[in-house]
Amino acid sequence: MITVYGIPNCDTVKKARAWLAGQGVAYEFHDFKKLGVPADRLVAWQKAVGWEKLLNRQGTTWRKLVLAVQASTKDTASAMAVMQAHASVIKRPVVEWQDGQVTAGFDAKNWRARL
């Protein structure tokens, strides 16, 4: 089963979920806002894609963080702490594919190749 992690009102998550539905792909959705970020999954995602890709420095949540937190986020441990405390800074959606691979963000071309 494919698991999509994210926030339901995120535009990118909406596009990704609509794309999967349009392809007739069944998936499970994990809502960060309601269910939180599973700490063990966050560790696995970081190992799979790297903290630099997983941490969304372009989003509103990142820009709203105090500058000291932004400046101190410079390695795996500090990035993981920020992502655990502020789920909205995680690049969305995070997808765990049937083959065990993990992706962060929506890329229809890449996703089509996975199916």
Foldseek 3Di string as FASTA:
>chain_A
DKEKEEAVVDPQQVVQVVLCVVVVHDYHYHHCVVRNDPLVVLVVQCVQPNLVQQFACPDPVNVPDPPVLVVPPDHDVSSSVVCRVPVNRTAPIWMQDPVRHIDGTDDSVVVVVVD
